[in-house]
Amino acid sequence: MEEKTLTCINCPLGCSLLAKMEHGQVVSVSGNTCRRGDVYARKELTNPTRIVTSTVFVTGKTASMVSVKTRQDIPKEKVFACMDALRNLTVKAPVQIGDVLLANVADTGIDIIATKNVE
């Protein structure tokens, strides 16, 4: 049986987790003080995902950049492809919070949305 140690990132407690794995599957998680730690360890070890936050350029505006994020978490292995797509993205003002600035980033089915208003 393989053992993996992780630090839970779901809340400020940062519990030290010990996950036991067998044949690529998590069979037990210990060290968590709540259910979220168990869920986090199982997901992180079998299907890790991340929310990506960044900024993109804006034209015709009062600000030169707007903050953005993925609407949902994306597979961890797609993070660099997502950042590559954002690197060359420029949008035209005005931009409102929640506007989709890039649909289906890196073929994930997830949109990039604005997290700030830019007039």
PDB file of N, CA and C in Angstrom:
ATOM      1  N   MET A   1       0.854  -1.179   0.000  1.00  0.00           N
ATOM      2  CA  MET A   1       0.000   0.000   0.000  1.00  0.00           C
ATOM      3  C   MET A   1       0.897   1.238   0.000  1.00  0.00           C
ATOM      4  N   GLU A   2       0.577   2.171  -0.886  1.00  0.00           N
ATOM      5  CA  GLU A   2       1.333   3.414  -1.023  1.00  0.00           C
ATOM      6  C   GLU A   2       0.718   4.485  -0.126  1.00  0.00           C
ATOM      7  N   GLU A   3       1.577   5.316   0.490  1.00  0.00           N
ATOM      8  CA  GLU A   3       1.107   6.415   1.331  1.00  0.00           C
ATOM      9  C   GLU A   3       1.562   7.745   0.743  1.00  0.00           C
ATOM     10  N   LYS A   4       0.663   8.708   0.747  1.00  0.00           N
ATOM     11  CA  LYS A   4       0.964  10.061   0.260  1.00  0.00           C
ATOM     12  C   LYS A   4       0.591  11.053   1.341  1.00  0.00           C
ATOM     13  N   THR A   5       1.428  12.065   1.536  1.00  0.00           N
ATOM     14  CA  THR A   5       1.113  13.131   2.484  1.00  0.00           C
ATOM     15  C   THR A   5       0.787  14.400   1.703  1.00  0.00           C
ATOM     16  N   LEU A   6      -0.214  15.118   2.192  1.00  0.00           N
ATOM     17  CA  LEU A   6      -0.647  16.369   1.570  1.00  0.00           C
ATOM     18  C   LEU A   6      -0.998  17.357   2.672  1.00  0.00           C
ATOM     19  N   THR A   7      -1.021  18.617   2.312  1.00  0.00           N
ATOM     20  CA  THR A   7      -1.546  19.642   3.198  1.00  0.00           C
ATOM     21  C   THR A   7      -2.845  20.134   2.584  1.00  0.00           C
ATOM     22  N   CYS A   8      -3.920  20.035   3.337  1.00  0.00           N
ATOM     23  CA  CYS A   8      -5.232  20.451   2.839  1.00  0.00           C
ATOM     24  C   CYS A   8      -5.244  21.967   2.649  1.00  0.00           C
ATOM     25  N   ILE A   9      -5.820  22.430   1.533  1.00  0.00           N
ATOM     26  CA  ILE A   9      -5.877  23.863   1.233  1.00  0.00           C
ATOM     27  C   ILE A   9      -7.313  24.389   1.216  1.00  0.00           C
ATOM     28  N   ASN A  10      -8.258  23.624   1.749  1.00  0.00           N
ATOM     29  CA  ASN A  10      -9.655  24.048   1.714  1.00  0.00           C
ATOM     30  C   ASN A  10     -10.025  25.071   2.767  1.00  0.00           C
ATOM     31  N   CYS A  11      -9.243  25.217   3.804  1.00  0.00           N
ATOM     32  CA  CYS A  11      -9.515  26.231   4.820  1.00  0.00           C
ATOM     33  C   CYS A  11      -8.200  26.635   5.478  1.00  0.00           C
ATOM     34  N   PRO A  12      -8.201  27.628   6.328  1.00  0.00           N
ATOM     35  CA  PRO A  12      -6.961  28.105   6.947  1.00  0.00           C
ATOM     36  C   PRO A  12      -6.285  27.112   7.910  1.00  0.00           C
ATOM     37  N   LEU A  13      -6.968  26.048   8.316  1.00  0.00           N
ATOM     38  CA  LEU A  13      -6.354  25.098   9.243  1.00  0.00           C
ATOM     39  C   LEU A  13      -5.153  24.381   8.632  1.00  0.00           C
ATOM     40  N   GLY A  14      -5.184  24.106   7.339  1.00  0.00           N
ATOM     41  CA  GLY A  14      -4.057  23.453   6.664  1.00  0.00           C
ATOM     42  C   GLY A  14      -3.722  22.098   7.259  1.00  0.00           C
ATOM     43  N   CYS A  15      -4.712  21.247   7.429  1.00  0.00           N
ATOM     44  CA  CYS A  15      -4.495  19.933   8.036  1.00  0.00           C
ATOM     45  C   CYS A  15      -3.471  19.117   7.248  1.00  0.00           C
ATOM     46  N   SER A  16      -2.650  18.389   7.967  1.00  0.00           N
ATOM     47  CA  SER A  16      -1.693  17.468   7.358  1.00  0.00           C
ATOM     48  C   SER A  16      -2.420  16.144   7.129  1.00  0.00           C
ATOM     49  N   LEU A  17      -2.556  15.769   5.870  1.00  0.00           N
ATOM     50  CA  LEU A  17      -3.330  14.586   5.509  1.00  0.00           C
ATOM     51  C   LEU A  17      -2.415  13.430   5.139  1.00  0.00           C
ATOM     52  N   LEU A  18      -2.824  12.243   5.482  1.00  0.00           N
ATOM     53  CA  LEU A  18      -2.142  11.027   5.067  1.00  0.00           C
ATOM     54  C   LEU A  18      -3.155  10.193   4.301  1.00  0.00           C
ATOM     55  N   ALA A  19      -2.866   9.972   3.030  1.00  0.00           N
ATOM     56  CA  ALA A  19      -3.762   9.182   2.177  1.00  0.00           C
ATOM     57  C   ALA A  19      -3.088   7.860   1.857  1.00  0.00           C
ATOM     58  N   LYS A  20      -3.841   6.803   1.967  1.00  0.00           N
ATOM     59  CA  LYS A  20      -3.350   5.480   1.601  1.00  0.00           C
ATOM     60  C   LYS A  20      -3.983   5.103   0.272  1.00  0.00           C
ATOM     61  N   MET A  21      -3.122   4.633  -0.648  1.00  0.00           N
ATOM     62  CA  MET A  21      -3.578   4.316  -1.998  1.00  0.00           C
ATOM     63  C   MET A  21      -3.249   2.870  -2.340  1.00  0.00           C
ATOM     64  N   GLU A  22      -4.142   2.296  -3.112  1.00  0.00           N
ATOM     65  CA  GLU A  22      -3.951   0.940  -3.590  1.00  0.00           C
ATOM     66  C   GLU A  22      -4.420   0.875  -5.035  1.00  0.00           C
ATOM     67  N   HIS A  23      -3.544   0.452  -5.926  1.00  0.00           N
ATOM     68  CA  HIS A  23      -3.867   0.337  -7.349  1.00  0.00           C
ATOM     69  C   HIS A  23      -4.386   1.661  -7.926  1.00  0.00           C
ATOM     70  N   GLY A  24      -3.763   2.773  -7.519  1.00  0.00           N
ATOM     71  CA  GLY A  24      -4.134   4.084  -8.039  1.00  0.00           C
ATOM     72  C   GLY A  24      -5.397   4.686  -7.466  1.00  0.00           C
ATOM     73  N   GLN A  25      -5.994   4.040  -6.481  1.00  0.00           N
ATOM     74  CA  GLN A  25      -7.216   4.546  -5.853  1.00  0.00           C
ATOM     75  C   GLN A  25      -6.968   4.857  -4.378  1.00  0.00           C
ATOM     76  N   VAL A  26      -7.559   5.924  -3.895  1.00  0.00           N
ATOM     77  CA  VAL A  26      -7.446   6.290  -2.483  1.00  0.00           C
ATOM     78  C   VAL A  26      -8.365   5.371  -1.678  1.00  0.00           C
ATOM     79  N   VAL A  27      -7.786   4.662  -0.701  1.00  0.00           N
ATOM     80  CA  VAL A  27      -8.598   3.767   0.124  1.00  0.00           C
ATOM     81  C   VAL A  27      -8.901   4.375   1.497  1.00  0.00           C
ATOM     82  N   SER A  28      -8.052   5.315   1.959  1.00  0.00           N
ATOM     83  CA  SER A  28      -8.351   5.987   3.225  1.00  0.00           C
ATOM     84  C   SER A  28      -7.597   7.305   3.316  1.00  0.00           C
ATOM     85  N   VAL A  29      -8.176   8.235   4.079  1.00  0.00           N
ATOM     86  CA  VAL A  29      -7.563   9.533   4.344  1.00  0.00           C
ATOM     87  C   VAL A  29      -7.660   9.776   5.841  1.00  0.00           C
ATOM     88  N   SER A  30      -6.550  10.194   6.443  1.00  0.00           N
ATOM     89  CA  SER A  30      -6.566  10.522   7.868  1.00  0.00           C
ATOM     90  C   SER A  30      -5.876  11.865   8.084  1.00  0.00           C
ATOM     91  N   GLY A  31      -6.101  12.458   9.256  1.00  0.00           N
ATOM     92  CA  GLY A  31      -5.504  13.736   9.606  1.00  0.00           C
ATOM     93  C   GLY A  31      -6.411  14.927   9.365  1.00  0.00           C
ATOM     94  N   ASN A  32      -7.507  14.722   8.650  1.00  0.00           N
ATOM     95  CA  ASN A  32      -8.421  15.821   8.366  1.00  0.00           C
ATOM     96  C   ASN A  32      -9.343  16.064   9.556  1.00  0.00           C
ATOM     97  N   THR A  33      -9.672  17.349   9.763  1.00  0.00           N
ATOM     98  CA  THR A  33     -10.590  17.686  10.861  1.00  0.00           C
ATOM     99  C   THR A  33     -12.022  17.843  10.371  1.00  0.00           C
ATOM    100  N   CYS A  34     -12.197  17.813   9.048  1.00  0.00           N
ATOM    101  CA  CYS A  34     -13.555  17.898   8.492  1.00  0.00           C
ATOM    102  C   CYS A  34     -13.631  17.080   7.215  1.00  0.00           C
ATOM    103  N   ARG A  35     -14.818  16.923   6.723  1.00  0.00           N
ATOM    104  CA  ARG A  35     -15.058  16.131   5.511  1.00  0.00           C
ATOM    105  C   ARG A  35     -14.384  16.724   4.283  1.00  0.00           C
ATOM    106  N   ARG A  36     -14.248  18.046   4.264  1.00  0.00           N
ATOM    107  CA  ARG A  36     -13.637  18.696   3.103  1.00  0.00           C
ATOM    108  C   ARG A  36     -12.210  18.213   2.868  1.00  0.00           C
ATOM    109  N   GLY A  37     -11.494  17.897   3.938  1.00  0.00           N
ATOM    110  CA  GLY A  37     -10.131  17.391   3.804  1.00  0.00           C
ATOM    111  C   GLY A  37     -10.099  16.044   3.116  1.00  0.00           C
ATOM    112  N   ASP A  38     -11.033  15.195   3.445  1.00  0.00           N
ATOM    113  CA  ASP A  38     -11.132  13.878   2.807  1.00  0.00           C
ATOM    114  C   ASP A  38     -11.434  14.036   1.314  1.00  0.00           C
ATOM    115  N   VAL A  39     -12.384  14.889   1.004  1.00  0.00           N
ATOM    116  CA  VAL A  39     -12.764  15.121  -0.391  1.00  0.00           C
ATOM    117  C   VAL A  39     -11.584  15.718  -1.168  1.00  0.00           C
ATOM    118  N   TYR A  40     -10.891  16.685  -0.561  1.00  0.00           N
ATOM    119  CA  TYR A  40      -9.742  17.325  -1.204  1.00  0.00           C
ATOM    120  C   TYR A  40      -8.662  16.294  -1.535  1.00  0.00           C
ATOM    121  N   ALA A  41      -8.285  15.466  -0.581  1.00  0.00           N
ATOM    122  CA  ALA A  41      -7.217  14.481  -0.799  1.00  0.00           C
ATOM    123  C   ALA A  41      -7.586  13.517  -1.920  1.00  0.00           C
ATOM    124  N   ARG A  42      -8.800  13.021  -1.899  1.00  0.00           N
ATOM    125  CA  ARG A  42      -9.223  12.066  -2.932  1.00  0.00           C
ATOM    126  C   ARG A  42      -9.190  12.702  -4.323  1.00  0.00           C
ATOM    127  N   LYS A  43      -9.667  13.931  -4.423  1.00  0.00           N
ATOM    128  CA  LYS A  43      -9.667  14.606  -5.718  1.00  0.00           C
ATOM    129  C   LYS A  43      -8.247  14.958  -6.152  1.00  0.00           C
ATOM    130  N   GLU A  44      -7.448  15.471  -5.262  1.00  0.00           N
ATOM    131  CA  GLU A  44      -6.087  15.893  -5.593  1.00  0.00           C
ATOM    132  C   GLU A  44      -5.220  14.726  -6.066  1.00  0.00           C
ATOM    133  N   LEU A  45      -5.450  13.568  -5.518  1.00  0.00           N
ATOM    134  CA  LEU A  45      -4.635  12.407  -5.885  1.00  0.00           C
ATOM    135  C   LEU A  45      -5.145  11.647  -7.103  1.00  0.00           C
ATOM    136  N   THR A  46      -6.402  11.846  -7.465  1.00  0.00           N
ATOM    137  CA  THR A  46      -6.943  11.095  -8.602  1.00  0.00           C
ATOM    138  C   THR A  46      -7.313  11.981  -9.790  1.00  0.00           C
ATOM    139  N   ASN A  47      -7.690  13.235  -9.549  1.00  0.00           N
ATOM    140  CA  ASN A  47      -8.096  14.135 -10.625  1.00  0.00           C
ATOM    141  C   ASN A  47      -7.857  15.584 -10.199  1.00  0.00           C
ATOM    142  N   PRO A  48      -6.592  16.011 -10.114  1.00  0.00           N
ATOM    143  CA  PRO A  48      -6.299  17.361  -9.623  1.00  0.00           C
ATOM    144  C   PRO A  48      -6.785  18.446 -10.579  1.00  0.00           C
ATOM    145  N   THR A  49      -7.382  19.492 -10.009  1.00  0.00           N
ATOM    146  CA  THR A  49      -7.880  20.626 -10.789  1.00  0.00           C
ATOM    147  C   THR A  49      -7.473  21.925 -10.114  1.00  0.00           C
ATOM    148  N   ARG A  50      -7.538  23.012 -10.871  1.00  0.00           N
ATOM    149  CA  ARG A  50      -7.181  24.322 -10.343  1.00  0.00           C
ATOM    150  C   ARG A  50      -8.077  25.401 -10.938  1.00  0.00           C
ATOM    151  N   ILE A  51      -8.333  26.454 -10.161  1.00  0.00           N
ATOM    152  CA  ILE A  51      -8.905  27.691 -10.667  1.00  0.00           C
ATOM    153  C   ILE A  51      -7.719  28.530 -11.123  1.00  0.00           C
ATOM    154  N   VAL A  52      -7.807  29.083 -12.325  1.00  0.00           N
ATOM    155  CA  VAL A  52      -6.722  29.920 -12.838  1.00  0.00           C
ATOM    156  C   VAL A  52      -7.158  31.372 -12.742  1.00  0.00           C
ATOM    157  N   THR A  53      -6.298  32.227 -12.189  1.00  0.00           N
ATOM    158  CA  THR A  53      -6.547  33.662 -12.126  1.00  0.00           C
ATOM    159  C   THR A  53      -5.401  34.372 -12.837  1.00  0.00           C
ATOM    160  N   SER A  54      -5.723  35.454 -13.508  1.00  0.00           N
ATOM    161  CA  SER A  54      -4.694  36.181 -14.246  1.00  0.00           C
ATOM    162  C   SER A  54      -5.231  37.558 -14.603  1.00  0.00           C
ATOM    163  N   THR A  55      -4.584  38.215 -15.547  1.00  0.00           N
ATOM    164  CA  THR A  55      -5.040  39.480 -16.098  1.00  0.00           C
ATOM    165  C   THR A  55      -4.902  39.427 -17.616  1.00  0.00           C
ATOM    166  N   VAL A  56      -5.718  40.211 -18.307  1.00  0.00           N
ATOM    167  CA  VAL A  56      -5.597  40.343 -19.761  1.00  0.00           C
ATOM    168  C   VAL A  56      -5.634  41.823 -20.120  1.00  0.00           C
ATOM    169  N   PHE A  57      -5.070  42.142 -21.285  1.00  0.00           N
ATOM    170  CA  PHE A  57      -5.019  43.516 -21.751  1.00  0.00           C
ATOM    171  C   PHE A  57      -6.396  43.999 -22.201  1.00  0.00           C
ATOM    172  N   VAL A  58      -6.638  45.319 -22.012  1.00  0.00           N
ATOM    173  CA  VAL A  58      -7.891  45.956 -22.407  1.00  0.00           C
ATOM    174  C   VAL A  58      -7.554  47.164 -23.281  1.00  0.00           C
ATOM    175  N   THR A  59      -8.322  47.331 -24.360  1.00  0.00           N
ATOM    176  CA  THR A  59      -8.167  48.522 -25.204  1.00  0.00           C
ATOM    177  C   THR A  59      -9.402  49.401 -25.067  1.00  0.00           C
ATOM    178  N   GLY A  60      -9.238  50.708 -25.351  1.00  0.00           N
ATOM    179  CA  GLY A  60     -10.351  51.654 -25.307  1.00  0.00           C
ATOM    180  C   GLY A  60     -10.938  51.777 -23.919  1.00  0.00           C
ATOM    181  N   LYS A  61     -10.144  52.080 -22.925  1.00  0.00           N
ATOM    182  CA  LYS A  61     -10.532  51.919 -21.526  1.00  0.00           C
ATOM    183  C   LYS A  61      -9.927  52.963 -20.601  1.00  0.00           C
ATOM    184  N   THR A  62     -10.305  52.836 -19.317  1.00  0.00           N
ATOM    185  CA  THR A  62      -9.696  53.640 -18.275  1.00  0.00           C
ATOM    186  C   THR A  62      -8.584  52.862 -17.574  1.00  0.00           C
ATOM    187  N   ALA A  63      -8.554  51.556 -17.749  1.00  0.00           N
ATOM    188  CA  ALA A  63      -7.505  50.707 -17.170  1.00  0.00           C
ATOM    189  C   ALA A  63      -6.875  49.904 -18.299  1.00  0.00           C
ATOM    190  N   SER A  64      -5.611  49.558 -18.161  1.00  0.00           N
ATOM    191  CA  SER A  64      -4.923  48.836 -19.229  1.00  0.00           C
ATOM    192  C   SER A  64      -5.094  47.322 -19.125  1.00  0.00           C
ATOM    193  N   MET A  65      -5.555  46.848 -17.958  1.00  0.00           N
ATOM    194  CA  MET A  65      -5.738  45.411 -17.768  1.00  0.00           C
ATOM    195  C   MET A  65      -7.001  45.144 -16.967  1.00  0.00           C
ATOM    196  N   VAL A  66      -7.508  43.908 -17.101  1.00  0.00           N
ATOM    197  CA  VAL A  66      -8.653  43.477 -16.317  1.00  0.00           C
ATOM    198  C   VAL A  66      -8.315  42.121 -15.700  1.00  0.00           C
ATOM    199  N   SER A  67      -8.719  41.915 -14.466  1.00  0.00           N
ATOM    200  CA  SER A  67      -8.494  40.629 -13.808  1.00  0.00           C
ATOM    201  C   SER A  67      -9.516  39.619 -14.315  1.00  0.00           C
ATOM    202  N   VAL A  68      -9.068  38.371 -14.454  1.00  0.00           N
ATOM    203  CA  VAL A  68      -9.911  37.300 -14.988  1.00  0.00           C
ATOM    204  C   VAL A  68      -9.683  36.021 -14.198  1.00  0.00           C
ATOM    205  N   LYS A  69     -10.596  35.061 -14.396  1.00  0.00           N
ATOM    206  CA  LYS A  69     -10.438  33.742 -13.803  1.00  0.00           C
ATOM    207  C   LYS A  69     -11.225  32.733 -14.617  1.00  0.00           C
ATOM    208  N   THR A  70     -10.904  31.461 -14.389  1.00  0.00           N
ATOM    209  CA  THR A  70     -11.713  30.423 -14.994  1.00  0.00           C
ATOM    210  C   THR A  70     -13.023  30.357 -14.228  1.00  0.00           C
ATOM    211  N   ARG A  71     -14.126  30.116 -14.946  1.00  0.00           N
ATOM    212  CA  ARG A  71     -15.433  30.049 -14.297  1.00  0.00           C
ATOM    213  C   ARG A  71     -15.489  28.892 -13.300  1.00  0.00           C
ATOM    214  N   GLN A  72     -14.797  27.805 -13.631  1.00  0.00           N
ATOM    215  CA  GLN A  72     -14.713  26.626 -12.764  1.00  0.00           C
ATOM    216  C   GLN A  72     -13.269  26.142 -12.780  1.00  0.00           C
ATOM    217  N   ASP A  73     -12.981  25.179 -11.927  1.00  0.00           N
ATOM    218  CA  ASP A  73     -11.633  24.625 -11.939  1.00  0.00           C
ATOM    219  C   ASP A  73     -11.428  23.786 -13.202  1.00  0.00           C
ATOM    220  N   ILE A  74     -10.179  23.794 -13.680  1.00  0.00           N
ATOM    221  CA  ILE A  74      -9.826  23.049 -14.884  1.00  0.00           C
ATOM    222  C   ILE A  74      -8.815  21.973 -14.510  1.00  0.00           C
ATOM    223  N   PRO A  75      -8.658  20.954 -15.345  1.00  0.00           N
ATOM    224  CA  PRO A  75      -7.650  19.932 -15.049  1.00  0.00           C
ATOM    225  C   PRO A  75      -6.265  20.571 -14.900  1.00  0.00           C
ATOM    226  N   LYS A  76      -5.544  20.134 -13.910  1.00  0.00           N
ATOM    227  CA  LYS A  76      -4.240  20.711 -13.598  1.00  0.00           C
ATOM    228  C   LYS A  76      -3.304  20.684 -14.807  1.00  0.00           C
ATOM    229  N   GLU A  77      -3.389  19.631 -15.614  1.00  0.00           N
ATOM    230  CA  GLU A  77      -2.496  19.523 -16.763  1.00  0.00           C
ATOM    231  C   GLU A  77      -2.823  20.537 -17.859  1.00  0.00           C
ATOM    232  N   LYS A  78      -3.938  21.244 -17.763  1.00  0.00           N
ATOM    233  CA  LYS A  78      -4.333  22.251 -18.751  1.00  0.00           C
ATOM    234  C   LYS A  78      -3.982  23.684 -18.322  1.00  0.00           C
ATOM    235  N   VAL A  79      -3.407  23.861 -17.138  1.00  0.00           N
ATOM    236  CA  VAL A  79      -3.119  25.202 -16.622  1.00  0.00           C
ATOM    237  C   VAL A  79      -2.170  25.963 -17.548  1.00  0.00           C
ATOM    238  N   PHE A  80      -1.085  25.336 -17.998  1.00  0.00           N
ATOM    239  CA  PHE A  80      -0.128  26.047 -18.844  1.00  0.00           C
ATOM    240  C   PHE A  80      -0.739  26.403 -20.194  1.00  0.00           C
ATOM    241  N   ALA A  81      -1.564  25.538 -20.760  1.00  0.00           N
ATOM    242  CA  ALA A  81      -2.255  25.842 -22.018  1.00  0.00           C
ATOM    243  C   ALA A  81      -3.221  27.009 -21.818  1.00  0.00           C
ATOM    244  N   CYS A  82      -3.859  27.057 -20.681  1.00  0.00           N
ATOM    245  CA  CYS A  82      -4.765  28.163 -20.348  1.00  0.00           C
ATOM    246  C   CYS A  82      -3.987  29.472 -20.277  1.00  0.00           C
ATOM    247  N   MET A  83      -2.855  29.453 -19.591  1.00  0.00           N
ATOM    248  CA  MET A  83      -2.040  30.667 -19.475  1.00  0.00           C
ATOM    249  C   MET A  83      -1.502  31.107 -20.834  1.00  0.00           C
ATOM    250  N   ASP A  84      -1.154  30.160 -21.690  1.00  0.00           N
ATOM    251  CA  ASP A  84      -0.715  30.500 -23.044  1.00  0.00           C
ATOM    252  C   ASP A  84      -1.822  31.230 -23.805  1.00  0.00           C
ATOM    253  N   ALA A  85      -3.047  30.762 -23.664  1.00  0.00           N
ATOM    254  CA  ALA A  85      -4.184  31.390 -24.335  1.00  0.00           C
ATOM    255  C   ALA A  85      -4.417  32.809 -23.812  1.00  0.00           C
ATOM    256  N   LEU A  86      -4.220  33.018 -22.525  1.00  0.00           N
ATOM    257  CA  LEU A  86      -4.440  34.337 -21.922  1.00  0.00           C
ATOM    258  C   LEU A  86      -3.324  35.318 -22.257  1.00  0.00           C
ATOM    259  N   ARG A  87      -2.141  34.809 -22.495  1.00  0.00           N
ATOM    260  CA  ARG A  87      -0.970  35.661 -22.739  1.00  0.00           C
ATOM    261  C   ARG A  87      -1.197  36.629 -23.903  1.00  0.00           C
ATOM    262  N   ASN A  88      -1.866  36.194 -24.939  1.00  0.00           N
ATOM    263  CA  ASN A  88      -2.059  37.026 -26.127  1.00  0.00           C
ATOM    264  C   ASN A  88      -3.471  37.590 -26.260  1.00  0.00           C
ATOM    265  N   LEU A  89      -4.279  37.439 -25.232  1.00  0.00           N
ATOM    266  CA  LEU A  89      -5.667  37.905 -25.295  1.00  0.00           C
ATOM    267  C   LEU A  89      -5.758  39.392 -24.974  1.00  0.00           C
ATOM    268  N   THR A  90      -6.446  40.114 -25.841  1.00  0.00           N
ATOM    269  CA  THR A  90      -6.767  41.524 -25.609  1.00  0.00           C
ATOM    270  C   THR A  90      -8.258  41.678 -25.826  1.00  0.00           C
ATOM    271  N   VAL A  91      -8.924  42.374 -24.916  1.00  0.00           N
ATOM    272  CA  VAL A  91     -10.369  42.594 -25.022  1.00  0.00           C
ATOM    273  C   VAL A  91     -10.648  44.084 -25.114  1.00  0.00           C
ATOM    274  N   LYS A  92     -11.820  44.410 -25.624  1.00  0.00           N
ATOM    275  CA  LYS A  92     -12.211  45.812 -25.786  1.00  0.00           C
ATOM    276  C   LYS A  92     -13.153  46.220 -24.658  1.00  0.00           C
ATOM    277  N   ALA A  93     -12.896  47.384 -24.094  1.00  0.00           N
ATOM    278  CA  ALA A  93     -13.759  47.932 -23.058  1.00  0.00           C
ATOM    279  C   ALA A  93     -15.070  48.378 -23.695  1.00  0.00           C
ATOM    280  N   PRO A  94     -16.154  48.430 -22.954  1.00  0.00           N
ATOM    281  CA  PRO A  94     -16.263  48.159 -21.523  1.00  0.00           C
ATOM    282  C   PRO A  94     -16.352  46.662 -21.226  1.00  0.00           C
ATOM    283  N   VAL A  95     -15.903  46.331 -20.023  1.00  0.00           N
ATOM    284  CA  VAL A  95     -15.948  44.946 -19.544  1.00  0.00           C
ATOM    285  C   VAL A  95     -16.683  44.952 -18.205  1.00  0.00           C
ATOM    286  N   GLN A  96     -17.595  44.016 -18.034  1.00  0.00           N
ATOM    287  CA  GLN A  96     -18.348  43.907 -16.783  1.00  0.00           C
ATOM    288  C   GLN A  96     -17.988  42.601 -16.075  1.00  0.00           C
ATOM    289  N   ILE A  97     -18.065  42.609 -14.758  1.00  0.00           N
ATOM    290  CA  ILE A  97     -17.812  41.399 -13.979  1.00  0.00           C
ATOM    291  C   ILE A  97     -18.714  40.282 -14.506  1.00  0.00           C
ATOM    292  N   GLY A  98     -18.127  39.128 -14.761  1.00  0.00           N
ATOM    293  CA  GLY A  98     -18.886  37.980 -15.236  1.00  0.00           C
ATOM    294  C   GLY A  98     -18.922  37.830 -16.740  1.00  0.00           C
ATOM    295  N   ASP A  99     -18.479  38.861 -17.481  1.00  0.00           N
ATOM    296  CA  ASP A  99     -18.436  38.754 -18.944  1.00  0.00           C
ATOM    297  C   ASP A  99     -17.516  37.608 -19.343  1.00  0.00           C
ATOM    298  N   VAL A 100     -17.943  36.809 -20.321  1.00  0.00           N
ATOM    299  CA  VAL A 100     -17.082  35.754 -20.866  1.00  0.00           C
ATOM    300  C   VAL A 100     -16.116  36.420 -21.829  1.00  0.00           C
ATOM    301  N   LEU A 101     -14.834  36.350 -21.515  1.00  0.00           N
ATOM    302  CA  LEU A 101     -13.812  36.972 -22.362  1.00  0.00           C
ATOM    303  C   LEU A 101     -13.149  35.971 -23.289  1.00  0.00           C
ATOM    304  N   LEU A 102     -13.209  34.690 -22.932  1.00  0.00           N
ATOM    305  CA  LEU A 102     -12.674  33.623 -23.769  1.00  0.00           C
ATOM    306  C   LEU A 102     -13.444  32.347 -23.446  1.00  0.00           C
ATOM    307  N   ALA A 103     -14.141  31.827 -24.426  1.00  0.00           N
ATOM    308  CA  ALA A 103     -14.923  30.604 -24.220  1.00  0.00           C
ATOM    309  C   ALA A 103     -14.046  29.377 -24.437  1.00  0.00           C
ATOM    310  N   ASN A 104     -14.342  28.323 -23.699  1.00  0.00           N
ATOM    311  CA  ASN A 104     -13.705  27.020 -23.889  1.00  0.00           C
ATOM    312  C   ASN A 104     -12.181  27.102 -23.912  1.00  0.00           C
ATOM    313  N   VAL A 105     -11.612  27.726 -22.901  1.00  0.00           N
ATOM    314  CA  VAL A 105     -10.155  27.890 -22.859  1.00  0.00           C
ATOM    315  C   VAL A 105      -9.450  26.535 -22.883  1.00  0.00           C
ATOM    316  N   ALA A 106      -8.459  26.407 -23.716  1.00  0.00           N
ATOM    317  CA  ALA A 106      -7.619  25.200 -23.829  1.00  0.00           C
ATOM    318  C   ALA A 106      -8.444  23.925 -24.014  1.00  0.00           C
ATOM    319  N   ASP A 107      -9.564  24.036 -24.705  1.00  0.00           N
ATOM    320  CA  ASP A 107     -10.456  22.890 -24.954  1.00  0.00           C
ATOM    321  C   ASP A 107     -10.904  22.189 -23.675  1.00  0.00           C
ATOM    322  N   THR A 108     -11.167  22.992 -22.632  1.00  0.00           N
ATOM    323  CA  THR A 108     -11.617  22.436 -21.352  1.00  0.00           C
ATOM    324  C   THR A 108     -13.132  22.482 -21.211  1.00  0.00           C
ATOM    325  N   GLY A 109     -13.790  23.287 -22.048  1.00  0.00           N
ATOM    326  CA  GLY A 109     -15.224  23.508 -21.889  1.00  0.00           C
ATOM    327  C   GLY A 109     -15.515  24.576 -20.852  1.00  0.00           C
ATOM    328  N   ILE A 110     -14.474  25.177 -20.293  1.00  0.00           N
ATOM    329  CA  ILE A 110     -14.608  26.196 -19.245  1.00  0.00           C
ATOM    330  C   ILE A 110     -14.276  27.567 -19.825  1.00  0.00           C
ATOM    331  N   ASP A 111     -15.045  28.585 -19.433  1.00  0.00           N
ATOM    332  CA  ASP A 111     -14.845  29.948 -19.922  1.00  0.00           C
ATOM    333  C   ASP A 111     -13.944  30.755 -18.994  1.00  0.00           C
ATOM    334  N   ILE A 112     -13.287  31.747 -19.588  1.00  0.00           N
ATOM    335  CA  ILE A 112     -12.561  32.765 -18.824  1.00  0.00           C
ATOM    336  C   ILE A 112     -13.512  33.934 -18.647  1.00  0.00           C
ATOM    337  N   ILE A 113     -13.692  34.379 -17.409  1.00  0.00           N
ATOM    338  CA  ILE A 113     -14.614  35.488 -17.133  1.00  0.00           C
ATOM    339  C   ILE A 113     -13.885  36.642 -16.455  1.00  0.00           C
ATOM    340  N   ALA A 114     -14.427  37.836 -16.629  1.00  0.00           N
ATOM    341  CA  ALA A 114     -13.884  39.043 -15.995  1.00  0.00           C
ATOM    342  C   ALA A 114     -14.264  39.039 -14.509  1.00  0.00           C
ATOM    343  N   THR A 115     -13.357  39.522 -13.683  1.00  0.00           N
ATOM    344  CA  THR A 115     -13.635  39.633 -12.252  1.00  0.00           C
ATOM    345  C   THR A 115     -13.612  41.086 -11.792  1.00  0.00           C
ATOM    346  N   LYS A 116     -13.622  42.012 -12.769  1.00  0.00           N
ATOM    347  CA  LYS A 116     -13.577  43.439 -12.467  1.00  0.00           C
ATOM    348  C   LYS A 116     -14.289  44.187 -13.585  1.00  0.00           C
ATOM    349  N   ASN A 117     -14.898  45.301 -13.250  1.00  0.00           N
ATOM    350  CA  ASN A 117     -15.494  46.186 -14.262  1.00  0.00           C
ATOM    351  C   ASN A 117     -14.417  47.120 -14.799  1.00  0.00           C
ATOM    352  N   VAL A 118     -14.406  47.300 -16.114  1.00  0.00           N
ATOM    353  CA  VAL A 118     -13.515  48.279 -16.731  1.00  0.00           C
ATOM    354  C   VAL A 118     -14.349  49.090 -17.713  1.00  0.00           C
ATOM    355  N   GLU A 119     -14.390  50.397 -17.490  1.00  0.00           N
ATOM    356  CA  GLU A 119     -15.189  51.309 -18.352  1.00  0.00           C
ATOM    357  C   GLU A 119     -14.388  51.759 -19.535  1.00  0.00           C
TER     358      GLU A 119
END
